[in-house]
Amino acid sequence: MTKFLVADDEPDLESLIRQKFRQKIRERQYEFVFAVNGVDALNKLQAHPDIAIVLSDINMPEMDGLRLLTKLNEVSPLIKTVMVSAYGDMDNIRTAMNHGAFDFITKPVNFDDLEVTMEKTIRHVTQIRETLKAVKENNILKMYVDETVLNFMGSREYEAALTANETIEATVAFIDICGFTSISEKEKPDTVVKILNDYFDIIVKEIIAQGGYIDKFIGDAIMAVFRGEYHLDRTLDACLAVRNKIASLPEISASVRYVPQVAIGINSGEMISGNIGSASLKRLDYTVIGDTVNTAQRLQTVATPGQIIISEQSYMKVKESFNCTRVGEVSLKNKANPVVIYDVRD
């Protein structure tokens, strides 16, 4: 359902709109909120934060439509405004557009034209919101978030979601491309970057296929996070596919012989998810932190080429579904006691 705010001091307009769109109102496709001027419109907007589209007259008492348009851009950049006015001269149209109006309709209102314009505006708003949702869910563009970006990207709800911190249950995988330093020291920079990006592309596709997302690229390694149902199982499926795909790649024979392999560390449990970084630099990284994440990275450091290493705690959760081999006890940094680890074979 799309909620509209109609700002107009014309007394008959509300009844006309309710009559014209009664079927869509009855079917809960449209909902209308009415205001008699710009001041009233801003108050109604506070009471109804889910309003998506504003239909506004220009000539209104207390606060006219152009002033309201400026205020709307400050309050909620996601809201799109269609100006509906008897003042249809080019100066008014250009002024409205320069103030951020999405479209302009003249009075007397042709309701068929109005409906077409409303549907077009709905599609535009929906596309923006779906894009923002995808950005949020896939953590795209969250690597560098400053106030300007937050204001541009939209609503107060979205800004709150970006800046919110939460404790989550998830699985983290650190996937290192083994021995890649030998290539980077011998080959031309363009060659090194192309080879690394090709490997990353293979890894990323398998992570996305299992519903994971890339938290960050760290040199020649990837940190991936999996949330939701069966997040540990999906992580293991993704990493097994990564190992097999990378192992099937041909040997590189240039200034140095190189056989691509990966070493992977995986850990599952509670972690903090939020924007971490420097407010002074206005550079924040949307990421996960905590002991679970640190342990995953340390498990990766003890993994040998071709190994997928998990802790005994993770092994107990997946032993019925995956074939694992006990490696033994290892000492991990900042861990008081040795940790029993397992290699996931298939």
C-alpha atoms as a PDB file:
ATOM      1  CA  MET A   1       0.000   0.000   0.000  1.00  0.00           C
ATOM      2  CA  THR A   2       1.217   3.501  -0.870  1.00  0.00           C
ATOM      3  CA  LYS A   3       0.389   6.381   1.461  1.00  0.00           C
ATOM      4  CA  PHE A   4      -0.095   9.845  -0.060  1.00  0.00           C
ATOM      5  CA  LEU A   5      -0.168  13.239   1.629  1.00  0.00           C
ATOM      6  CA  VAL A   6      -2.397  15.751  -0.194  1.00  0.00           C
ATOM      7  CA  ALA A   7      -1.661  19.368   0.742  1.00  0.00           C
ATOM      8  CA  ASP A   8      -4.299  21.720  -0.666  1.00  0.00           C
ATOM      9  CA  ASP A   9      -6.647  24.333   0.840  1.00  0.00           C
ATOM     10  CA  GLU A  10      -9.345  23.618  -1.747  1.00  0.00           C
ATOM     11  CA  PRO A  11     -12.221  22.112   0.304  1.00  0.00           C
ATOM     12  CA  ASP A  12     -13.682  19.920  -2.456  1.00  0.00           C
ATOM     13  CA  LEU A  13     -10.435  18.201  -3.411  1.00  0.00           C
ATOM     14  CA  GLU A  14     -10.532  15.621  -0.611  1.00  0.00           C
ATOM     15  CA  SER A  15     -13.971  14.348  -1.584  1.00  0.00           C
ATOM     16  CA  LEU A  16     -13.025  14.292  -5.279  1.00  0.00           C
ATOM     17  CA  ILE A  17      -9.915  12.235  -4.591  1.00  0.00           C
ATOM     18  CA  ARG A  18     -11.770   9.821  -2.320  1.00  0.00           C
ATOM     19  CA  GLN A  19     -14.416   9.322  -4.987  1.00  0.00           C
ATOM     20  CA  LYS A  20     -11.949   8.891  -7.851  1.00  0.00           C
ATOM     21  CA  PHE A  21      -9.735   6.401  -6.012  1.00  0.00           C
ATOM     22  CA  ARG A  22     -12.380   4.699  -3.859  1.00  0.00           C
ATOM     23  CA  GLN A  23     -11.667   1.262  -5.336  1.00  0.00           C
ATOM     24  CA  LYS A  24      -7.937   1.465  -4.658  1.00  0.00           C
ATOM     25  CA  ILE A  25      -8.620   2.859  -1.188  1.00  0.00           C
ATOM     26  CA  ARG A  26     -11.030  -0.028  -0.545  1.00  0.00           C
ATOM     27  CA  GLU A  27      -8.472  -2.551  -1.848  1.00  0.00           C
ATOM     28  CA  ARG A  28      -5.823  -0.932   0.381  1.00  0.00           C
ATOM     29  CA  GLN A  29      -3.601  -0.016  -2.554  1.00  0.00           C
ATOM     30  CA  TYR A  30      -3.796   3.691  -1.744  1.00  0.00           C
ATOM     31  CA  GLU A  31      -4.174   5.588   1.527  1.00  0.00           C
ATOM     32  CA  PHE A  32      -4.584   9.358   1.685  1.00  0.00           C
ATOM     33  CA  VAL A  33      -3.790  11.885   4.402  1.00  0.00           C
ATOM     34  CA  PHE A  34      -4.998  15.460   3.856  1.00  0.00           C
ATOM     35  CA  ALA A  35      -3.552  18.820   4.936  1.00  0.00           C
ATOM     36  CA  VAL A  36      -4.808  22.365   4.329  1.00  0.00           C
ATOM     37  CA  ASN A  37      -1.410  24.074   4.021  1.00  0.00           C
ATOM     38  CA  GLY A  38       2.331  23.487   4.306  1.00  0.00           C
ATOM     39  CA  VAL A  39       2.466  23.774   8.084  1.00  0.00           C
ATOM     40  CA  ASP A  40      -0.335  21.264   8.472  1.00  0.00           C
ATOM     41  CA  ALA A  41       1.395  19.002   5.948  1.00  0.00           C
ATOM     42  CA  LEU A  42       4.608  18.925   7.985  1.00  0.00           C
ATOM     43  CA  ASN A  43       2.643  18.061  11.110  1.00  0.00           C
ATOM     44  CA  LYS A  44       0.825  15.279   9.264  1.00  0.00           C
ATOM     45  CA  LEU A  45       4.148  13.977   7.991  1.00  0.00           C
ATOM     46  CA  GLN A  46       5.417  13.657  11.562  1.00  0.00           C
ATOM     47  CA  ALA A  47       2.287  11.747  12.506  1.00  0.00           C
ATOM     48  CA  HIS A  48       2.563   9.501   9.423  1.00  0.00           C
ATOM     49  CA  PRO A  49       6.268   8.769   8.774  1.00  0.00           C
ATOM     50  CA  ASP A  50       5.350   6.075   6.213  1.00  0.00           C
ATOM     51  CA  ILE A  51       4.059   8.666   3.715  1.00  0.00           C
ATOM     52  CA  ALA A  52       5.795   8.030   0.402  1.00  0.00           C
ATOM     53  CA  ILE A  53       4.397  10.661  -1.984  1.00  0.00           C
ATOM     54  CA  VAL A  54       3.112  14.224  -1.554  1.00  0.00           C
ATOM     55  CA  LEU A  55       0.602  15.914  -3.852  1.00  0.00           C
ATOM     56  CA  SER A  56       0.865  19.635  -3.147  1.00  0.00           C
ATOM     57  CA  ASP A  57      -0.775  22.835  -4.316  1.00  0.00           C
ATOM     58  CA  ILE A  58       1.456  25.894  -4.714  1.00  0.00           C
ATOM     59  CA  ASN A  59      -0.813  28.707  -3.478  1.00  0.00           C
ATOM     60  CA  MET A  60      -1.724  27.918   0.151  1.00  0.00           C
ATOM     61  CA  PRO A  61      -1.998  30.060   3.312  1.00  0.00           C
ATOM     62  CA  GLU A  62       0.670  30.058   6.078  1.00  0.00           C
ATOM     63  CA  MET A  63       3.155  28.019   4.045  1.00  0.00           C
ATOM     64  CA  ASP A  64       2.920  27.681   0.266  1.00  0.00           C
ATOM     65  CA  GLY A  65       3.807  24.600  -1.763  1.00  0.00           C
ATOM     66  CA  LEU A  66       7.258  25.752  -2.858  1.00  0.00           C
ATOM     67  CA  ARG A  67       8.287  26.424   0.752  1.00  0.00           C
ATOM     68  CA  LEU A  68       6.832  23.048   1.736  1.00  0.00           C
ATOM     69  CA  LEU A  69       8.818  21.412  -1.042  1.00  0.00           C
ATOM     70  CA  THR A  70      12.051  22.834   0.378  1.00  0.00           C
ATOM     71  CA  LYS A  71      11.151  21.610   3.872  1.00  0.00           C
ATOM     72  CA  LEU A  72      10.272  18.131   2.586  1.00  0.00           C
ATOM     73  CA  ASN A  73      13.702  17.767   1.008  1.00  0.00           C
ATOM     74  CA  GLU A  74      15.249  18.575   4.379  1.00  0.00           C
ATOM     75  CA  VAL A  75      12.963  16.311   6.414  1.00  0.00           C
ATOM     76  CA  SER A  76      12.848  13.208   4.207  1.00  0.00           C
ATOM     77  CA  PRO A  77      14.728  13.079   0.893  1.00  0.00           C
ATOM     78  CA  LEU A  78      13.001   9.805  -0.052  1.00  0.00           C
ATOM     79  CA  ILE A  79       9.584  11.452  -0.326  1.00  0.00           C
ATOM     80  CA  LYS A  80       8.698  12.483  -3.872  1.00  0.00           C
ATOM     81  CA  THR A  81       6.436  15.463  -4.491  1.00  0.00           C
ATOM     82  CA  VAL A  82       4.043  16.078  -7.371  1.00  0.00           C
ATOM     83  CA  MET A  83       2.911  19.694  -7.616  1.00  0.00           C
ATOM     84  CA  VAL A  84      -0.796  20.113  -8.442  1.00  0.00           C
ATOM     85  CA  SER A  85      -1.516  23.761  -9.176  1.00  0.00           C
ATOM     86  CA  ALA A  86      -3.546  26.192 -11.236  1.00  0.00           C
ATOM     87  CA  TYR A  87      -0.318  28.117 -11.759  1.00  0.00           C
ATOM     88  CA  GLY A  88       0.894  26.175 -14.780  1.00  0.00           C
ATOM     89  CA  ASP A  89       3.158  28.759 -16.369  1.00  0.00           C
ATOM     90  CA  MET A  90       6.725  27.799 -17.156  1.00  0.00           C
ATOM     91  CA  ASP A  91       8.195  29.951 -14.372  1.00  0.00           C
ATOM     92  CA  ASN A  92       6.249  28.076 -11.716  1.00  0.00           C
ATOM     93  CA  ILE A  93       7.037  24.707 -13.284  1.00  0.00           C
ATOM     94  CA  ARG A  94      10.759  25.481 -13.418  1.00  0.00           C
ATOM     95  CA  THR A  95      10.760  26.844  -9.862  1.00  0.00           C
ATOM     96  CA  ALA A  96       9.038  23.681  -8.590  1.00  0.00           C
ATOM     97  CA  MET A  97      11.436  21.427 -10.467  1.00  0.00           C
ATOM     98  CA  ASN A  98      14.442  23.378  -9.219  1.00  0.00           C
ATOM     99  CA  HIS A  99      13.161  22.868  -5.677  1.00  0.00           C
ATOM    100  CA  GLY A 100      13.044  19.106  -6.226  1.00  0.00           C
ATOM    101  CA  ALA A 101       9.515  18.361  -7.471  1.00  0.00           C
ATOM    102  CA  PHE A 102       9.189  14.989  -9.185  1.00  0.00           C
ATOM    103  CA  ASP A 103       6.401  16.106 -11.539  1.00  0.00           C
ATOM    104  CA  PHE A 104       3.867  18.880 -12.144  1.00  0.00           C
ATOM    105  CA  ILE A 105       0.137  18.714 -12.919  1.00  0.00           C
ATOM    106  CA  THR A 106      -2.097  21.707 -13.628  1.00  0.00           C
ATOM    107  CA  LYS A 107      -5.623  22.426 -12.428  1.00  0.00           C
ATOM    108  CA  PRO A 108      -8.389  21.732 -13.188  1.00  0.00           C
ATOM    109  CA  VAL A 109      -7.102  18.251 -12.478  1.00  0.00           C
ATOM    110  CA  ASN A 110      -7.433  15.585 -15.128  1.00  0.00           C
ATOM    111  CA  PHE A 111      -7.779  12.588 -12.794  1.00  0.00           C
ATOM    112  CA  ASP A 112      -6.744  10.078 -15.439  1.00  0.00           C
ATOM    113  CA  ASP A 113      -3.520  12.002 -15.950  1.00  0.00           C
ATOM    114  CA  LEU A 114      -3.129  12.312 -12.177  1.00  0.00           C
ATOM    115  CA  GLU A 115      -3.459   8.542 -11.736  1.00  0.00           C
ATOM    116  CA  VAL A 116      -0.856   7.854 -14.417  1.00  0.00           C
ATOM    117  CA  THR A 117       1.502  10.318 -12.723  1.00  0.00           C
ATOM    118  CA  MET A 118       0.863   8.766  -9.312  1.00  0.00           C
ATOM    119  CA  GLU A 119       1.627   5.270 -10.631  1.00  0.00           C
ATOM    120  CA  LYS A 120       4.808   6.543 -12.264  1.00  0.00           C
ATOM    121  CA  THR A 121       5.869   8.164  -8.991  1.00  0.00           C
ATOM    122  CA  ILE A 122       5.088   4.978  -7.053  1.00  0.00           C
ATOM    123  CA  ARG A 123       7.351   2.986  -9.373  1.00  0.00           C
ATOM    124  CA  HIS A 124      10.135   5.505  -8.879  1.00  0.00           C
ATOM    125  CA  VAL A 125       9.815   5.484  -5.077  1.00  0.00           C
ATOM    126  CA  THR A 126       9.620   1.681  -5.024  1.00  0.00           C
ATOM    127  CA  GLN A 127      12.768   1.398  -7.117  1.00  0.00           C
ATOM    128  CA  ILE A 128      14.657   3.722  -4.761  1.00  0.00           C
ATOM    129  CA  ARG A 129      13.517   1.824  -1.680  1.00  0.00           C
ATOM    130  CA  GLU A 130      14.396  -1.548  -3.207  1.00  0.00           C
ATOM    131  CA  THR A 131      17.830  -0.215  -4.076  1.00  0.00           C
ATOM    132  CA  LEU A 132      18.350   1.019  -0.528  1.00  0.00           C
ATOM    133  CA  LYS A 133      17.143  -2.313   0.837  1.00  0.00           C
ATOM    134  CA  ALA A 134      19.622  -4.144  -1.367  1.00  0.00           C
ATOM    135  CA  VAL A 135      22.378  -1.813  -0.240  1.00  0.00           C
ATOM    136  CA  LYS A 136      21.520  -2.503   3.366  1.00  0.00           C
ATOM    137  CA  GLU A 137      21.179  -6.272   3.022  1.00  0.00           C
ATOM    138  CA  ASN A 138      24.306  -6.769   0.974  1.00  0.00           C
ATOM    139  CA  ASN A 139      26.392  -4.199   2.839  1.00  0.00           C
ATOM    140  CA  ILE A 140      27.242  -2.412  -0.378  1.00  0.00           C
ATOM    141  CA  LEU A 141      28.447   1.205   0.018  1.00  0.00           C
ATOM    142  CA  LYS A 142      28.709   0.780   3.796  1.00  0.00           C
ATOM    143  CA  MET A 143      32.499   0.800   3.669  1.00  0.00           C
ATOM    144  CA  TYR A 144      32.638   4.606   3.508  1.00  0.00           C
ATOM    145  CA  VAL A 145      29.640   6.192   5.174  1.00  0.00           C
ATOM    146  CA  ASP A 146      29.628   9.856   6.099  1.00  0.00           C
ATOM    147  CA  GLU A 147      26.879  12.327   6.878  1.00  0.00           C
ATOM    148  CA  THR A 148      26.473  13.410   3.247  1.00  0.00           C
ATOM    149  CA  VAL A 149      25.943   9.844   2.072  1.00  0.00           C
ATOM    150  CA  LEU A 150      23.495   9.134   4.876  1.00  0.00           C
ATOM    151  CA  ASN A 151      21.451  12.233   4.043  1.00  0.00           C
ATOM    152  CA  PHE A 152      21.460  11.337   0.358  1.00  0.00           C
ATOM    153  CA  MET A 153      20.451   7.738   0.911  1.00  0.00           C
ATOM    154  CA  GLY A 154      17.255   8.714   2.525  1.00  0.00           C
ATOM    155  CA  SER A 155      14.967   8.206   5.402  1.00  0.00           C
ATOM    156  CA  ARG A 156      15.539   8.517   9.094  1.00  0.00           C
ATOM    157  CA  GLU A 157      14.732   4.840   9.430  1.00  0.00           C
ATOM    158  CA  TYR A 158      17.456   3.917   6.958  1.00  0.00           C
ATOM    159  CA  GLU A 159      19.985   6.192   8.644  1.00  0.00           C
ATOM    160  CA  ALA A 160      19.148   4.595  11.985  1.00  0.00           C
ATOM    161  CA  ALA A 161      19.604   1.143  10.475  1.00  0.00           C
ATOM    162  CA  LEU A 162      23.015   2.070   9.105  1.00  0.00           C
ATOM    163  CA  THR A 163      24.262   3.489  12.384  1.00  0.00           C
ATOM    164  CA  ALA A 164      22.695   0.829  14.609  1.00  0.00           C
ATOM    165  CA  ASN A 165      24.863  -1.743  16.377  1.00  0.00           C
ATOM    166  CA  GLU A 166      23.551  -5.166  17.291  1.00  0.00           C
ATOM    167  CA  THR A 167      24.615  -8.533  18.626  1.00  0.00           C
ATOM    168  CA  ILE A 168      23.991 -11.304  16.101  1.00  0.00           C
ATOM    169  CA  GLU A 169      24.474 -15.030  15.660  1.00  0.00           C
ATOM    170  CA  ALA A 170      26.474 -15.672  12.500  1.00  0.00           C
ATOM    171  CA  THR A 171      29.360 -17.542  10.926  1.00  0.00           C
ATOM    172  CA  VAL A 172      32.561 -15.910   9.695  1.00  0.00           C
ATOM    173  CA  ALA A 173      34.953 -17.372   7.139  1.00  0.00           C
ATOM    174  CA  PHE A 174      38.460 -16.119   6.370  1.00  0.00           C
ATOM    175  CA  ILE A 175      39.555 -17.389   2.968  1.00  0.00           C
ATOM    176  CA  ASP A 176      43.232 -16.888   2.139  1.00  0.00           C
ATOM    177  CA  ILE A 177      44.742 -17.481  -1.284  1.00  0.00           C
ATOM    178  CA  CYS A 178      47.885 -19.348  -0.304  1.00  0.00           C
ATOM    179  CA  GLY A 179      51.323 -18.255  -1.447  1.00  0.00           C
ATOM    180  CA  PHE A 180      50.091 -15.411  -3.611  1.00  0.00           C
ATOM    181  CA  THR A 181      52.938 -13.226  -2.368  1.00  0.00           C
ATOM    182  CA  SER A 182      55.313 -15.175  -4.650  1.00  0.00           C
ATOM    183  CA  ILE A 183      53.413 -13.862  -7.679  1.00  0.00           C
ATOM    184  CA  SER A 184      53.067 -10.306  -6.389  1.00  0.00           C
ATOM    185  CA  GLU A 185      56.841 -10.084  -5.900  1.00  0.00           C
ATOM    186  CA  LYS A 186      57.690 -11.315  -9.392  1.00  0.00           C
ATOM    187  CA  GLU A 187      54.955 -10.210 -11.792  1.00  0.00           C
ATOM    188  CA  LYS A 188      53.883  -6.825 -13.117  1.00  0.00           C
ATOM    189  CA  PRO A 189      51.257  -5.011 -11.013  1.00  0.00           C
ATOM    190  CA  ASP A 190      48.605  -5.275 -13.748  1.00  0.00           C
ATOM    191  CA  THR A 191      49.154  -9.031 -13.988  1.00  0.00           C
ATOM    192  CA  VAL A 192      49.021  -9.471 -10.220  1.00  0.00           C
ATOM    193  CA  VAL A 193      45.777  -7.516  -9.889  1.00  0.00           C
ATOM    194  CA  LYS A 194      44.089  -9.348 -12.767  1.00  0.00           C
ATOM    195  CA  ILE A 195      44.972 -12.792 -11.412  1.00  0.00           C
ATOM    196  CA  LEU A 196      43.883 -11.877  -7.881  1.00  0.00           C
ATOM    197  CA  ASN A 197      40.611 -10.376  -9.089  1.00  0.00           C
ATOM    198  CA  ASP A 198      39.878 -13.493 -11.151  1.00  0.00           C
ATOM    199  CA  TYR A 199      40.379 -15.658  -8.057  1.00  0.00           C
ATOM    200  CA  PHE A 200      38.269 -13.323  -5.931  1.00  0.00           C
ATOM    201  CA  ASP A 201      35.479 -13.425  -8.509  1.00  0.00           C
ATOM    202  CA  ILE A 202      35.315 -17.222  -8.263  1.00  0.00           C
ATOM    203  CA  ILE A 203      35.237 -17.108  -4.465  1.00  0.00           C
ATOM    204  CA  VAL A 204      32.633 -14.346  -4.277  1.00  0.00           C
ATOM    205  CA  LYS A 205      30.216 -16.191  -6.568  1.00  0.00           C
ATOM    206  CA  GLU A 206      30.238 -19.247  -4.305  1.00  0.00           C
ATOM    207  CA  ILE A 207      29.728 -17.112  -1.185  1.00  0.00           C
ATOM    208  CA  ILE A 208      26.778 -15.263  -2.706  1.00  0.00           C
ATOM    209  CA  ALA A 209      25.292 -18.549  -3.970  1.00  0.00           C
ATOM    210  CA  GLN A 210      24.958 -19.666  -0.347  1.00  0.00           C
ATOM    211  CA  GLY A 211      23.489 -16.388   0.881  1.00  0.00           C
ATOM    212  CA  GLY A 212      26.674 -14.961   2.377  1.00  0.00           C
ATOM    213  CA  TYR A 213      28.126 -11.505   1.873  1.00  0.00           C
ATOM    214  CA  ILE A 214      31.633 -10.126   1.575  1.00  0.00           C
ATOM    215  CA  ASP A 215      32.556  -8.179   4.665  1.00  0.00           C
ATOM    216  CA  LYS A 216      35.919  -7.067   3.299  1.00  0.00           C
ATOM    217  CA  PHE A 217      38.893  -7.885   1.128  1.00  0.00           C
ATOM    218  CA  ILE A 218      42.116  -8.081   3.134  1.00  0.00           C
ATOM    219  CA  GLY A 219      45.133  -8.234   0.841  1.00  0.00           C
ATOM    220  CA  ASP A 220      44.857 -11.631  -0.847  1.00  0.00           C
ATOM    221  CA  ALA A 221      42.178 -12.861   1.565  1.00  0.00           C
ATOM    222  CA  ILE A 222      38.425 -12.487   1.915  1.00  0.00           C
ATOM    223  CA  MET A 223      36.339 -12.167   5.055  1.00  0.00           C
ATOM    224  CA  ALA A 224      32.792 -13.432   4.497  1.00  0.00           C
ATOM    225  CA  VAL A 225      29.799 -13.457   6.841  1.00  0.00           C
ATOM    226  CA  PHE A 226      26.756 -15.734   6.787  1.00  0.00           C
ATOM    227  CA  ARG A 227      23.580 -14.993   8.734  1.00  0.00           C
ATOM    228  CA  GLY A 228      20.151 -16.566   8.980  1.00  0.00           C
ATOM    229  CA  GLU A 229      19.051 -20.174   9.085  1.00  0.00           C
ATOM    230  CA  TYR A 230      21.759 -22.859   8.901  1.00  0.00           C
ATOM    231  CA  HIS A 231      24.444 -20.191   8.570  1.00  0.00           C
ATOM    232  CA  LEU A 232      27.241 -22.566   9.586  1.00  0.00           C
ATOM    233  CA  ASP A 233      26.134 -25.263   7.139  1.00  0.00           C
ATOM    234  CA  ARG A 234      25.849 -22.751   4.309  1.00  0.00           C
ATOM    235  CA  THR A 235      29.305 -21.395   5.113  1.00  0.00           C
ATOM    236  CA  LEU A 236      30.795 -24.881   4.891  1.00  0.00           C
ATOM    237  CA  ASP A 237      28.999 -25.583   1.603  1.00  0.00           C
ATOM    238  CA  ALA A 238      30.317 -22.312   0.168  1.00  0.00           C
ATOM    239  CA  CYS A 239      33.876 -22.935   1.348  1.00  0.00           C
ATOM    240  CA  LEU A 240      33.917 -26.514   0.041  1.00  0.00           C
ATOM    241  CA  ALA A 241      32.814 -25.186  -3.345  1.00  0.00           C
ATOM    242  CA  VAL A 242      35.485 -22.478  -3.188  1.00  0.00           C
ATOM    243  CA  ARG A 243      38.206 -25.015  -2.391  1.00  0.00           C
ATOM    244  CA  ASN A 244      37.137 -27.279  -5.249  1.00  0.00           C
ATOM    245  CA  LYS A 245      36.841 -24.445  -7.785  1.00  0.00           C
ATOM    246  CA  ILE A 246      40.226 -22.945  -6.889  1.00  0.00           C
ATOM    247  CA  ALA A 247      41.918 -26.374  -6.845  1.00  0.00           C
ATOM    248  CA  SER A 248      40.628 -27.066 -10.364  1.00  0.00           C
ATOM    249  CA  LEU A 249      42.289 -23.955 -11.800  1.00  0.00           C
ATOM    250  CA  PRO A 250      45.371 -24.459 -13.995  1.00  0.00           C
ATOM    251  CA  GLU A 251      48.880 -23.830 -12.771  1.00  0.00           C
ATOM    252  CA  ILE A 252      50.325 -20.431 -13.588  1.00  0.00           C
ATOM    253  CA  SER A 253      53.665 -20.615 -15.342  1.00  0.00           C
ATOM    254  CA  ALA A 254      55.326 -17.241 -15.728  1.00  0.00           C
ATOM    255  CA  SER A 255      58.332 -15.906 -13.872  1.00  0.00           C
ATOM    256  CA  VAL A 256      57.269 -18.213 -11.051  1.00  0.00           C
ATOM    257  CA  ARG A 257      55.253 -21.434 -11.002  1.00  0.00           C
ATOM    258  CA  TYR A 258      52.107 -21.096  -8.955  1.00  0.00           C
ATOM    259  CA  VAL A 259      49.370 -23.600  -8.131  1.00  0.00           C
ATOM    260  CA  PRO A 260      46.346 -21.798  -6.600  1.00  0.00           C
ATOM    261  CA  GLN A 261      45.007 -23.125  -3.313  1.00  0.00           C
ATOM    262  CA  VAL A 262      43.070 -21.709  -0.399  1.00  0.00           C
ATOM    263  CA  ALA A 263      43.410 -22.027   3.370  1.00  0.00           C
ATOM    264  CA  ILE A 264      40.189 -21.336   5.247  1.00  0.00           C
ATOM    265  CA  GLY A 265      39.278 -20.681   8.866  1.00  0.00           C
ATOM    266  CA  ILE A 266      35.638 -20.743   9.979  1.00  0.00           C
ATOM    267  CA  ASN A 267      34.012 -19.930  13.291  1.00  0.00           C
ATOM    268  CA  SER A 268      30.397 -19.568  14.355  1.00  0.00           C
ATOM    269  CA  GLY A 269      28.731 -17.823  17.273  1.00  0.00           C
ATOM    270  CA  GLU A 270      27.805 -14.461  18.740  1.00  0.00           C
ATOM    271  CA  MET A 271      29.377 -11.261  17.416  1.00  0.00           C
ATOM    272  CA  ILE A 272      28.753  -7.517  17.278  1.00  0.00           C
ATOM    273  CA  SER A 273      27.602  -6.026  13.966  1.00  0.00           C
ATOM    274  CA  GLY A 274      27.945  -2.282  13.436  1.00  0.00           C
ATOM    275  CA  ASN A 275      29.791   0.665  11.924  1.00  0.00           C
ATOM    276  CA  ILE A 276      33.373   0.626  13.156  1.00  0.00           C
ATOM    277  CA  GLY A 277      35.969   3.256  12.323  1.00  0.00           C
ATOM    278  CA  SER A 278      36.956   6.851  12.809  1.00  0.00           C
ATOM    279  CA  ALA A 279      34.351   9.571  13.157  1.00  0.00           C
ATOM    280  CA  SER A 280      37.097  12.180  12.715  1.00  0.00           C
ATOM    281  CA  LEU A 281      37.981  10.776   9.308  1.00  0.00           C
ATOM    282  CA  LYS A 282      34.296  10.187   8.538  1.00  0.00           C
ATOM    283  CA  ARG A 283      35.271   6.684   7.506  1.00  0.00           C
ATOM    284  CA  LEU A 284      33.268   3.838   8.996  1.00  0.00           C
ATOM    285  CA  ASP A 285      33.363   0.187   8.048  1.00  0.00           C
ATOM    286  CA  TYR A 286      30.166  -1.795   8.496  1.00  0.00           C
ATOM    287  CA  THR A 287      31.544  -5.045   9.861  1.00  0.00           C
ATOM    288  CA  VAL A 288      31.397  -7.686  12.574  1.00  0.00           C
ATOM    289  CA  ILE A 289      33.782  -7.852  15.532  1.00  0.00           C
ATOM    290  CA  GLY A 290      34.329  -9.947  18.629  1.00  0.00           C
ATOM    291  CA  ASP A 291      36.037 -13.094  19.849  1.00  0.00           C
ATOM    292  CA  THR A 292      34.163 -15.271  17.345  1.00  0.00           C
ATOM    293  CA  VAL A 293      35.566 -13.237  14.457  1.00  0.00           C
ATOM    294  CA  ASN A 294      39.081 -13.153  15.908  1.00  0.00           C
ATOM    295  CA  THR A 295      39.056 -16.914  16.392  1.00  0.00           C
ATOM    296  CA  ALA A 296      37.996 -17.475  12.772  1.00  0.00           C
ATOM    297  CA  GLN A 297      40.952 -15.428  11.583  1.00  0.00           C
ATOM    298  CA  ARG A 298      43.340 -17.357  13.844  1.00  0.00           C
ATOM    299  CA  LEU A 299      41.941 -20.670  12.654  1.00  0.00           C
ATOM    300  CA  GLN A 300      42.742 -19.542   9.129  1.00  0.00           C
ATOM    301  CA  THR A 301      46.362 -18.879  10.095  1.00  0.00           C
ATOM    302  CA  VAL A 302      46.832 -22.501  11.234  1.00  0.00           C
ATOM    303  CA  ALA A 303      45.127 -23.914   8.130  1.00  0.00           C
ATOM    304  CA  THR A 304      47.455 -25.387   5.522  1.00  0.00           C
ATOM    305  CA  PRO A 305      46.774 -25.122   1.761  1.00  0.00           C
ATOM    306  CA  GLY A 306      43.586 -26.993   0.948  1.00  0.00           C
ATOM    307  CA  GLN A 307      42.329 -27.117   4.543  1.00  0.00           C
ATOM    308  CA  ILE A 308      39.029 -25.798   5.917  1.00  0.00           C
ATOM    309  CA  ILE A 309      39.566 -25.519   9.664  1.00  0.00           C
ATOM    310  CA  ILE A 310      36.794 -25.315  12.277  1.00  0.00           C
ATOM    311  CA  SER A 311      36.756 -25.524  16.063  1.00  0.00           C
ATOM    312  CA  GLU A 312      35.487 -28.510  18.016  1.00  0.00           C
ATOM    313  CA  GLN A 313      32.440 -26.476  19.003  1.00  0.00           C
ATOM    314  CA  SER A 314      31.527 -26.010  15.341  1.00  0.00           C
ATOM    315  CA  TYR A 315      32.346 -29.637  14.602  1.00  0.00           C
ATOM    316  CA  MET A 316      29.787 -30.819  17.170  1.00  0.00           C
ATOM    317  CA  LYS A 317      27.097 -28.857  15.312  1.00  0.00           C
ATOM    318  CA  VAL A 318      27.836 -30.256  11.849  1.00  0.00           C
ATOM    319  CA  LYS A 319      29.369 -33.700  12.396  1.00  0.00           C
ATOM    320  CA  GLU A 320      26.197 -35.434  11.210  1.00  0.00           C
ATOM    321  CA  SER A 321      26.190 -33.519   7.918  1.00  0.00           C
ATOM    322  CA  PHE A 322      29.853 -33.070   7.012  1.00  0.00           C
ATOM    323  CA  ASN A 323      32.846 -35.391   6.894  1.00  0.00           C
ATOM    324  CA  CYS A 324      35.509 -33.891   9.169  1.00  0.00           C
ATOM    325  CA  THR A 325      38.945 -35.089  10.261  1.00  0.00           C
ATOM    326  CA  ARG A 326      40.346 -34.309  13.695  1.00  0.00           C
ATOM    327  CA  VAL A 327      43.625 -32.416  13.291  1.00  0.00           C
ATOM    328  CA  GLY A 328      44.455 -32.083  16.982  1.00  0.00           C
ATOM    329  CA  GLU A 329      45.162 -29.349  19.496  1.00  0.00           C
ATOM    330  CA  VAL A 330      46.664 -26.011  18.509  1.00  0.00           C
ATOM    331  CA  SER A 331      47.558 -22.879  20.444  1.00  0.00           C
ATOM    332  CA  LEU A 332      45.824 -19.747  19.228  1.00  0.00           C
ATOM    333  CA  LYS A 333      46.795 -16.189  20.060  1.00  0.00           C
ATOM    334  CA  ASN A 334      45.066 -14.834  23.185  1.00  0.00           C
ATOM    335  CA  LYS A 335      43.584 -18.234  23.981  1.00  0.00           C
ATOM    336  CA  ALA A 336      44.633 -19.526  27.410  1.00  0.00           C
ATOM    337  CA  ASN A 337      44.082 -23.178  26.511  1.00  0.00           C
ATOM    338  CA  PRO A 338      44.823 -25.194  23.372  1.00  0.00           C
ATOM    339  CA  VAL A 339      41.926 -25.517  20.922  1.00  0.00           C
ATOM    340  CA  VAL A 340      40.909 -28.758  19.222  1.00  0.00           C
ATOM    341  CA  ILE A 341      40.440 -28.237  15.502  1.00  0.00           C
ATOM    342  CA  TYR A 342      38.950 -30.228  12.647  1.00  0.00           C
ATOM    343  CA  ASP A 343      39.514 -30.214   8.881  1.00  0.00           C
ATOM    344  CA  VAL A 344      36.285 -30.281   6.843  1.00  0.00           C
ATOM    345  CA  ARG A 345      36.777 -32.696   3.972  1.00  0.00           C
ATOM    346  CA  ASP A 346      33.349 -32.871   2.305  1.00  0.00           C
END
